[in-house]
Amino acid sequence: MDKLMDNPWFLKILALLLSVLLYSSIPHTGEKLTDVDVPGQQTSVTIKDIPVKVYYDTENLVVLGIPNTVDITIKGPITHVQSAKALKNFEIFVDLTDAKIGEQKVKLEVNDLSDKLKATIKPASVDVTIQEKITKEFKVQAEFDSNQIEEGFSAGQPVVEPNNVKITGAKSVIDRITYVKATLEATGKLNETITKDALIQVLDKELNKLNVVVEPATVKVTIPIKNNSKTVPINIIRKGTPPSGVTIDSIELDIKEATITGNEEVVKDTENVRVEVDVSKISDNTVLTLPVIISNGITKVTPQTVKATIVVKKQEEKTVSEKTVSEIPLEIRGLTESLSAEINDPVNKMISLLINGSSASVNAIRPDDFTVYIDLSSLSEGNHDVNIHVEGPPDINWKPDKTSAEITITKTNA
């Protein structure tokens, strides 16, 4: 045996025989030697919000009722389940390629999922409505937040380009369209004309957004912004009567015009603003700071105050005389064309003035030297008590027998 073990050919033949015996001892079932059947661990998992694809005639039909996403539960070997969850390399779909118009229940299916996995879709089926796809043209209405218009400015009629859009969708949805709006989104206060792109919104009568296709999806919206300001003169209105022996020689304002801002119609109809000077307390030359008085509907005036320089003349007692000037007609000012006014009191529409001043000036005075009026620019329909204003020669003092008038304002017939 020692000699045989030292012979290399003997060893080779022995190794070959042992290999043949070992091979013959293994059972053969026709499987490849690389296939090893090891039972795998089973598991299940639910994957949420998987998109649903729909196959149908998209050019001529619209499908309603298909959910955007569904949940799927898959069960099988843990390695396959983990792979499907990670890759999501499968598809959930509804095949409506041969479906007819109308309502029907359809089954949701899964594609490209390993045959070693079992899938359960929730919901498994859905009720769908298949309708004819139509396209219709609608006019676009522009919208914007009027609170964004800066004070003193107003917005004109919005301009939309293009003014009409084409909307495509299911016939039942197209029939529900009530509003097609382009809402202009802007930041900050608006004081000049603005043009911006606006997204189209399609709504039903309850303002629910409708699922349709809009072409174009955006339009240009222009909001014209106008400045409601203008410059008007500041009128001086005297109130009261100077003390005995004092004559108002002149009243001068340091600023003679003011800029007003407010409602467009009111600004348009306003011809002046005023300052009121109470001359009953003026006995010497003086300078007063007075507020500028505006009508209702005017929201802003610049300047808000002015300085009035008042120059007086003092007369000796013996040169002062007094008399009454009667039947001075009462004028109506500031009334718009759509309204008319009737003076109820004084009934004769006249007032009298008790005047005093130098004898020469008083003797020369006539009724037409005075202007007596009521300002109705800020009043509407109804009965009103309004102040009576008097304008007259600067060297004469006066006191009216009436300081207010009762009037009735009514609408004129067109």
Protein backbone atom coordinates (compact mmCIF):
# COMPACT_ATOMS: atom_id res chain seq x y z
CA MET A 1 0.00 0.00 0.00
CA ASP A 2 2.88 2.36 0.69
CA LYS A 3 4.12 1.82 -2.84
CA LEU A 4 0.61 2.43 -4.25
CA MET A 5 0.18 5.60 -2.20
CA ASP A 6 3.40 6.92 -3.56
CA ASN A 7 2.20 6.35 -7.13
CA PRO A 8 0.56 9.54 -8.43
CA TRP A 9 -1.61 7.71 -10.94
CA PHE A 10 -3.09 5.56 -8.22
CA LEU A 11 -4.11 8.67 -6.27
CA LYS A 12 -5.73 10.25 -9.31
CA ILE A 13 -7.76 7.13 -10.08
CA LEU A 14 -8.83 6.87 -6.43
CA ALA A 15 -9.97 10.51 -6.36
CA LEU A 16 -12.01 9.98 -9.52
CA LEU A 17 -13.77 6.93 -8.05
CA LEU A 18 -14.65 8.81 -4.85
CA SER A 19 -16.10 11.69 -6.92
CA VAL A 20 -18.30 9.30 -8.91
CA LEU A 21 -19.55 7.66 -5.69
CA LEU A 22 -20.35 11.08 -4.13
CA TYR A 23 -22.27 12.29 -7.22
CA SER A 24 -24.30 9.10 -7.41
CA SER A 25 -25.34 9.46 -3.77
CA ILE A 26 -27.19 12.80 -4.47
CA PRO A 27 -30.92 12.44 -5.52
CA HIS A 28 -31.76 14.09 -8.90
CA THR A 29 -35.26 15.72 -9.40
CA GLY A 30 -34.61 17.62 -12.64
CA GLU A 31 -33.98 20.95 -10.80
CA LYS A 32 -30.85 22.97 -11.35
CA LEU A 33 -28.25 22.62 -8.69
CA THR A 34 -28.39 26.43 -8.15
CA ASP A 35 -32.12 26.34 -7.18
CA VAL A 36 -32.53 26.09 -3.46
CA ASP A 37 -36.06 25.84 -2.09
CA VAL A 38 -36.00 27.68 1.24
CA PRO A 39 -39.45 28.64 2.64
CA GLY A 40 -39.67 32.54 2.94
CA GLN A 41 -41.35 34.59 5.72
CA GLN A 42 -44.78 35.99 4.70
CA THR A 43 -45.94 39.57 5.42
CA SER A 44 -48.44 42.18 4.27
CA VAL A 45 -48.40 45.96 3.98
CA THR A 46 -50.84 48.72 2.94
CA ILE A 47 -49.53 51.37 0.56
CA LYS A 48 -51.62 54.56 0.55
CA ASP A 49 -52.36 57.15 -2.12
CA ILE A 50 -51.38 55.20 -5.23
CA PRO A 51 -52.40 57.17 -8.37
CA VAL A 52 -55.10 55.64 -10.58
CA LYS A 53 -54.64 55.67 -14.35
CA VAL A 54 -57.66 55.64 -16.64
CA TYR A 55 -57.57 54.40 -20.21
CA TYR A 56 -60.36 55.82 -22.39
CA ASP A 57 -61.08 57.98 -25.46
CA THR A 58 -59.78 61.28 -24.05
CA GLU A 59 -60.56 63.24 -27.22
CA ASN A 60 -64.31 62.65 -27.17
CA LEU A 61 -65.26 61.49 -23.68
CA VAL A 62 -65.04 62.62 -20.07
CA VAL A 63 -64.98 60.15 -17.16
CA LEU A 64 -66.37 61.23 -13.79
CA GLY A 65 -66.12 59.31 -10.52
CA ILE A 66 -62.59 57.89 -10.75
CA PRO A 67 -60.67 58.65 -7.53
CA ASN A 68 -57.31 60.30 -7.95
CA THR A 69 -55.64 57.82 -5.60
CA VAL A 70 -56.49 54.55 -3.82
CA ASP A 71 -54.92 52.32 -1.16
CA ILE A 72 -53.55 48.87 -1.93
CA THR A 73 -52.71 46.04 0.47
CA ILE A 74 -50.12 43.53 -0.81
CA LYS A 75 -49.32 40.18 0.79
CA GLY A 76 -46.53 37.69 0.08
CA PRO A 77 -42.87 36.93 0.78
CA ILE A 78 -41.30 39.68 2.82
CA THR A 79 -38.57 40.45 0.28
CA HIS A 80 -41.09 40.87 -2.54
CA VAL A 81 -43.39 42.98 -0.38
CA GLN A 82 -40.55 45.28 0.70
CA SER A 83 -39.39 45.67 -2.89
CA ALA A 84 -42.89 46.56 -4.14
CA LYS A 85 -43.38 49.05 -1.31
CA ALA A 86 -40.04 50.74 -1.97
CA LEU A 87 -40.13 50.85 -5.76
CA LYS A 88 -43.89 51.12 -6.38
CA ASN A 89 -43.16 49.69 -9.80
CA PHE A 90 -46.71 48.60 -10.41
CA GLU A 91 -49.80 50.36 -11.79
CA ILE A 92 -53.41 50.63 -10.66
CA PHE A 93 -55.72 51.30 -13.58
CA VAL A 94 -59.24 51.30 -14.95
CA ASP A 95 -59.73 50.14 -18.53
CA LEU A 96 -62.58 52.02 -20.21
CA THR A 97 -61.38 51.73 -23.79
CA ASP A 98 -64.53 49.88 -24.81
CA ALA A 99 -66.93 51.59 -22.37
CA LYS A 100 -70.13 53.27 -23.55
CA ILE A 101 -71.64 56.61 -22.50
CA GLY A 102 -73.63 56.36 -19.30
CA GLU A 103 -73.31 55.24 -15.67
CA GLN A 104 -71.60 51.97 -14.75
CA LYS A 105 -69.58 50.19 -12.07
CA VAL A 106 -65.98 49.41 -13.00
CA LYS A 107 -63.30 47.34 -11.32
CA LEU A 108 -59.89 48.70 -10.41
CA GLU A 109 -57.02 46.49 -11.54
CA VAL A 110 -53.30 46.22 -10.81
CA ASN A 111 -50.60 45.66 -13.38
CA ASP A 112 -46.87 44.83 -13.23
CA LEU A 113 -47.09 43.35 -9.71
CA SER A 114 -45.06 40.20 -8.95
CA ASP A 115 -47.07 37.00 -9.33
CA LYS A 116 -45.82 35.99 -5.88
CA LEU A 117 -47.85 38.84 -4.34
CA LYS A 118 -51.56 39.05 -3.68
CA ALA A 119 -53.13 42.54 -3.95
CA THR A 120 -56.31 43.98 -2.47
CA ILE A 121 -57.38 47.44 -3.72
CA LYS A 122 -59.56 49.72 -1.63
CA PRO A 123 -62.01 50.54 -3.09
CA ALA A 124 -62.10 47.49 -5.35
CA SER A 125 -64.61 49.12 -7.72
CA VAL A 126 -66.19 52.53 -8.29
CA ASP A 127 -69.30 53.96 -9.94
CA VAL A 128 -68.35 56.11 -12.91
CA THR A 129 -70.21 58.30 -15.37
CA ILE A 130 -69.00 58.55 -18.94
CA GLN A 131 -70.15 61.63 -20.80
CA GLU A 132 -69.57 63.36 -24.07
CA LYS A 133 -66.80 65.96 -23.93
CA ILE A 134 -67.92 69.40 -25.17
CA THR A 135 -66.26 72.81 -25.55
CA LYS A 136 -68.11 76.08 -25.00
CA GLU A 137 -67.08 79.75 -24.99
CA PHE A 138 -67.71 81.95 -21.92
CA LYS A 139 -67.19 85.62 -21.08
CA VAL A 140 -64.71 86.33 -18.29
CA GLN A 141 -65.65 88.56 -15.34
CA ALA A 142 -62.81 90.41 -13.62
CA GLU A 143 -62.64 90.68 -9.82
CA PHE A 144 -60.43 92.66 -7.46
CA ASP A 145 -60.47 93.82 -3.84
CA SER A 146 -61.90 97.36 -3.82
CA ASN A 147 -60.42 97.88 -0.34
CA GLN A 148 -56.99 97.97 -1.98
CA ILE A 149 -57.79 101.25 -3.77
CA GLU A 150 -55.93 104.05 -2.00
CA GLU A 151 -58.01 106.79 -0.42
CA GLY A 152 -58.70 109.58 -2.90
CA PHE A 153 -58.63 107.23 -5.89
CA SER A 154 -61.32 105.21 -7.64
CA ALA A 155 -61.30 102.20 -9.93
CA GLY A 156 -62.87 102.19 -13.38
CA GLN A 157 -64.36 99.24 -15.28
CA PRO A 158 -61.81 96.36 -15.44
CA VAL A 159 -60.61 95.33 -18.91
CA VAL A 160 -59.97 91.61 -19.61
CA GLU A 161 -57.84 90.34 -22.52
CA PRO A 162 -58.95 88.02 -24.01
CA ASN A 163 -62.51 88.71 -22.93
CA ASN A 164 -63.73 85.16 -23.77
CA VAL A 165 -62.24 81.74 -23.00
CA LYS A 166 -63.00 78.21 -24.20
CA ILE A 167 -63.99 75.71 -21.50
CA THR A 168 -63.93 71.97 -22.12
CA GLY A 169 -65.50 69.30 -19.92
CA ALA A 170 -68.39 66.92 -19.40
CA LYS A 171 -71.70 68.25 -20.68
CA SER A 172 -73.32 68.06 -17.23
CA VAL A 173 -70.45 70.07 -15.75
CA ILE A 174 -70.48 72.66 -18.53
CA ASP A 175 -74.22 73.14 -17.92
CA ARG A 176 -73.51 73.98 -14.25
CA ILE A 177 -71.14 76.86 -15.05
CA THR A 178 -72.45 80.10 -13.51
CA TYR A 179 -69.32 82.22 -13.03
CA VAL A 180 -66.08 82.47 -14.99
CA LYS A 181 -63.88 84.80 -12.99
CA ALA A 182 -60.39 86.23 -13.26
CA THR A 183 -59.33 87.45 -9.83
CA LEU A 184 -56.53 90.02 -9.80
CA GLU A 185 -54.12 89.43 -6.94
CA ALA A 186 -52.27 92.61 -5.93
CA THR A 187 -50.31 93.65 -2.86
CA GLY A 188 -50.41 97.03 -1.16
CA LYS A 189 -52.60 100.03 -1.94
CA LEU A 190 -53.36 100.86 -5.57
CA ASN A 191 -53.01 104.46 -6.78
CA GLU A 192 -52.29 103.91 -10.48
CA THR A 193 -53.59 101.74 -13.32
CA ILE A 194 -52.42 98.13 -12.98
CA THR A 195 -52.22 95.23 -15.47
CA LYS A 196 -51.49 91.68 -14.30
CA ASP A 197 -52.06 88.06 -15.31
CA ALA A 198 -55.00 86.46 -13.50
CA LEU A 199 -55.90 82.77 -13.19
CA ILE A 200 -59.36 81.75 -14.47
CA GLN A 201 -61.73 80.21 -11.95
CA VAL A 202 -64.84 78.34 -13.11
CA LEU A 203 -67.61 78.11 -10.49
CA ASP A 204 -71.18 76.91 -10.17
CA LYS A 205 -73.99 78.93 -8.60
CA GLU A 206 -72.90 77.83 -5.11
CA LEU A 207 -69.32 78.96 -5.86
CA ASN A 208 -67.98 75.40 -6.04
CA LYS A 209 -64.95 75.05 -8.28
CA LEU A 210 -65.65 72.91 -11.35
CA ASN A 211 -63.28 70.36 -12.86
CA VAL A 212 -62.87 71.64 -16.43
CA VAL A 213 -60.11 72.61 -18.84
CA VAL A 214 -59.86 76.36 -19.59
CA GLU A 215 -58.07 77.75 -22.63
CA PRO A 216 -56.29 80.03 -22.02
CA ALA A 217 -55.88 79.31 -18.30
CA THR A 218 -54.85 82.91 -17.55
CA VAL A 219 -55.88 86.32 -18.92
CA LYS A 220 -54.56 89.86 -18.57
CA VAL A 221 -56.67 92.08 -16.31
CA THR A 222 -56.29 95.86 -16.35
CA ILE A 223 -57.80 97.95 -13.52
CA PRO A 224 -57.93 101.69 -14.43
CA ILE A 225 -57.24 103.83 -11.35
CA LYS A 226 -58.32 107.51 -11.33
CA ASN A 227 -57.23 110.30 -9.00
CA ASN A 228 -60.27 111.91 -7.32
CA SER A 229 -58.58 115.20 -6.38
CA LYS A 230 -58.77 118.77 -7.58
CA THR A 231 -57.81 122.29 -6.48
CA VAL A 232 -60.54 124.75 -5.52
CA PRO A 233 -60.56 128.30 -4.05
CA ILE A 234 -61.00 128.91 -0.32
CA ASN A 235 -63.92 131.26 0.31
CA ILE A 236 -64.10 133.53 3.37
CA ILE A 237 -67.44 133.46 5.18
CA ARG A 238 -68.08 136.12 7.80
CA LYS A 239 -70.18 135.21 10.81
CA GLY A 240 -71.64 137.60 13.32
CA THR A 241 -71.39 141.38 13.57
CA PRO A 242 -68.30 143.30 14.70
CA PRO A 243 -68.49 145.21 17.99
CA SER A 244 -69.90 148.73 17.90
CA GLY A 245 -67.46 151.21 16.42
CA VAL A 246 -65.40 148.48 14.65
CA THR A 247 -65.42 148.01 10.89
CA ILE A 248 -63.71 145.03 9.20
CA ASP A 249 -61.43 146.61 6.63
CA SER A 250 -60.06 143.38 5.10
CA ILE A 251 -59.58 139.65 5.65
CA GLU A 252 -56.70 137.98 3.82
CA LEU A 253 -55.73 134.30 3.81
CA ASP A 254 -52.13 133.13 3.61
CA ILE A 255 -53.27 130.27 1.33
CA LYS A 256 -56.07 130.94 -1.12
CA GLU A 257 -56.58 127.46 -2.66
CA ALA A 258 -56.99 123.94 -1.30
CA THR A 259 -56.72 120.45 -2.77
CA ILE A 260 -59.72 118.22 -2.03
CA THR A 261 -60.01 114.45 -2.30
CA GLY A 262 -63.03 112.18 -1.98
CA ASN A 263 -66.01 110.65 -3.75
CA GLU A 264 -65.68 111.19 -7.50
CA GLU A 265 -69.13 112.77 -7.99
CA VAL A 266 -68.82 114.99 -4.91
CA VAL A 267 -65.37 116.22 -5.92
CA LYS A 268 -66.66 116.95 -9.42
CA ASP A 269 -69.55 119.07 -8.08
CA THR A 270 -67.55 120.92 -5.41
CA GLU A 271 -66.49 124.38 -6.59
CA ASN A 272 -64.96 125.73 -3.37
CA VAL A 273 -64.24 125.14 0.30
CA ARG A 274 -64.52 127.77 3.03
CA VAL A 275 -63.22 129.22 6.24
CA GLU A 276 -65.62 130.93 8.64
CA VAL A 277 -64.48 134.07 10.45
CA ASP A 278 -66.46 135.07 13.54
CA VAL A 279 -66.11 138.86 13.37
CA SER A 280 -68.27 139.46 16.45
CA LYS A 281 -65.18 139.07 18.65
CA ILE A 282 -62.78 141.09 16.50
CA SER A 283 -61.92 144.52 17.92
CA ASP A 284 -58.33 144.93 16.74
CA ASN A 285 -56.10 143.80 13.91
CA THR A 286 -55.46 140.08 14.44
CA VAL A 287 -54.27 136.83 12.85
CA LEU A 288 -56.40 133.68 13.32
CA THR A 289 -55.64 130.05 12.48
CA LEU A 290 -58.86 128.64 11.05
CA PRO A 291 -59.93 125.16 9.86
CA VAL A 292 -60.81 124.64 6.20
CA ILE A 293 -64.44 123.44 6.10
CA ILE A 294 -65.42 120.76 3.56
CA SER A 295 -68.70 119.19 2.42
CA ASN A 296 -69.90 115.64 3.07
CA GLY A 297 -68.24 113.21 0.67
CA ILE A 298 -64.92 115.05 0.75
CA THR A 299 -62.51 112.84 2.69
CA LYS A 300 -59.36 114.96 2.65
CA VAL A 301 -58.37 118.61 2.24
CA THR A 302 -54.92 120.14 2.00
CA PRO A 303 -54.18 122.38 3.81
CA GLN A 304 -56.42 121.59 6.78
CA THR A 305 -55.92 125.03 8.35
CA VAL A 306 -55.05 128.51 7.07
CA LYS A 307 -54.10 131.81 8.67
CA ALA A 308 -56.49 134.73 8.27
CA THR A 309 -55.12 138.26 8.73
CA ILE A 310 -57.93 140.63 9.80
CA VAL A 311 -57.53 144.40 9.56
CA VAL A 312 -60.09 146.62 11.29
CA LYS A 313 -61.00 150.30 11.37
CA LYS A 314 -62.25 151.87 14.54
CA GLN A 315 -64.76 154.67 14.21
CA GLU A 316 -65.64 157.44 16.58
CA GLU A 317 -69.03 157.19 18.19
CA LYS A 318 -70.36 160.31 16.49
CA THR A 319 -69.60 159.03 12.97
CA VAL A 320 -71.45 155.75 13.43
CA SER A 321 -74.95 155.42 12.07
CA GLU A 322 -77.39 152.54 11.74
CA LYS A 323 -80.26 151.52 9.50
CA THR A 324 -82.23 148.53 8.27
CA VAL A 325 -81.90 147.26 4.71
CA SER A 326 -84.99 145.24 3.75
CA GLU A 327 -86.11 142.81 1.04
CA ILE A 328 -82.76 141.30 0.18
CA PRO A 329 -83.50 138.15 -1.90
CA LEU A 330 -82.29 134.80 -0.56
CA GLU A 331 -80.34 132.82 -3.19
CA ILE A 332 -79.88 129.01 -3.42
CA ARG A 333 -76.41 127.68 -4.22
CA GLY A 334 -74.79 124.26 -4.62
CA LEU A 335 -77.93 122.31 -5.62
CA THR A 336 -77.39 119.56 -8.21
CA GLU A 337 -79.49 119.43 -11.41
CA SER A 338 -81.35 116.31 -10.21
CA LEU A 339 -82.77 118.13 -7.16
CA SER A 340 -84.97 121.16 -6.54
CA ALA A 341 -85.41 123.16 -3.35
CA GLU A 342 -88.31 125.16 -1.90
CA ILE A 343 -87.74 127.81 0.80
CA ASN A 344 -90.46 127.43 3.45
CA ASP A 345 -89.17 130.06 5.88
CA PRO A 346 -88.76 132.95 5.32
CA VAL A 347 -91.98 132.70 3.32
CA ASN A 348 -91.22 135.69 1.11
CA LYS A 349 -87.68 134.39 0.48
CA MET A 350 -86.32 137.74 1.67
CA ILE A 351 -84.37 138.84 4.71
CA SER A 352 -83.56 142.19 6.29
CA LEU A 353 -80.21 143.41 7.64
CA LEU A 354 -79.57 145.82 10.48
CA ILE A 355 -76.39 147.60 9.34
CA ASN A 356 -74.06 150.07 11.02
CA GLY A 357 -70.93 151.93 10.04
CA SER A 358 -69.85 155.36 9.04
CA SER A 359 -72.69 157.67 8.16
CA ALA A 360 -71.46 158.07 4.60
CA SER A 361 -71.15 154.33 4.04
CA VAL A 362 -74.49 153.52 5.67
CA ASN A 363 -76.35 156.16 3.72
CA ALA A 364 -74.94 154.86 0.44
CA ILE A 365 -75.92 151.24 1.04
CA ARG A 366 -78.58 149.62 -1.17
CA PRO A 367 -80.10 146.08 -0.98
CA ASP A 368 -78.18 144.96 -4.05
CA ASP A 369 -74.89 145.72 -2.24
CA PHE A 370 -75.44 142.47 -0.31
CA THR A 371 -75.52 138.84 -1.39
CA VAL A 372 -77.56 136.54 0.82
CA TYR A 373 -77.54 132.78 0.12
CA ILE A 374 -77.87 129.26 1.48
CA ASP A 375 -75.42 126.50 0.48
CA LEU A 376 -77.18 123.16 -0.31
CA SER A 377 -74.20 121.35 -1.88
CA SER A 378 -73.98 118.68 0.82
CA LEU A 379 -77.71 118.06 1.32
CA SER A 380 -80.05 115.32 0.04
CA GLU A 381 -83.85 114.97 -0.22
CA GLY A 382 -85.92 116.05 2.78
CA ASN A 383 -86.52 118.97 5.11
CA HIS A 384 -83.51 120.89 6.41
CA ASP A 385 -82.55 123.93 8.49
CA VAL A 386 -79.57 125.64 6.83
CA ASN A 387 -77.45 128.62 7.80
CA ILE A 388 -77.94 131.89 5.92
CA HIS A 389 -74.71 133.43 4.61
CA VAL A 390 -74.29 137.15 3.99
CA GLU A 391 -71.66 138.85 1.85
CA GLY A 392 -71.44 142.61 1.72
CA PRO A 393 -69.21 145.69 1.71
CA PRO A 394 -66.13 145.29 3.97
CA ASP A 395 -66.64 148.64 5.73
CA ILE A 396 -70.16 147.85 6.90
CA ASN A 397 -71.29 145.72 9.83
CA TRP A 398 -74.60 143.89 9.68
CA LYS A 399 -76.95 141.64 11.55
CA PRO A 400 -79.62 139.59 9.70
CA ASP A 401 -83.15 139.27 11.06
CA LYS A 402 -82.87 135.53 10.36
CA THR A 403 -79.78 133.33 10.68
CA SER A 404 -81.26 130.14 9.21
CA ALA A 405 -83.81 129.05 6.63
CA GLU A 406 -86.19 126.09 6.48
CA ILE A 407 -86.09 124.34 3.10
CA THR A 408 -87.47 121.21 1.43
CA ILE A 409 -85.42 119.35 -1.19
CA THR A 410 -87.09 117.05 -3.72
CA LYS A 411 -86.03 115.19 -6.84
CA THR A 412 -86.80 116.83 -10.17
CA ASN A 413 -88.72 114.89 -12.81
CA ALA A 414 -86.42 113.66 -15.58
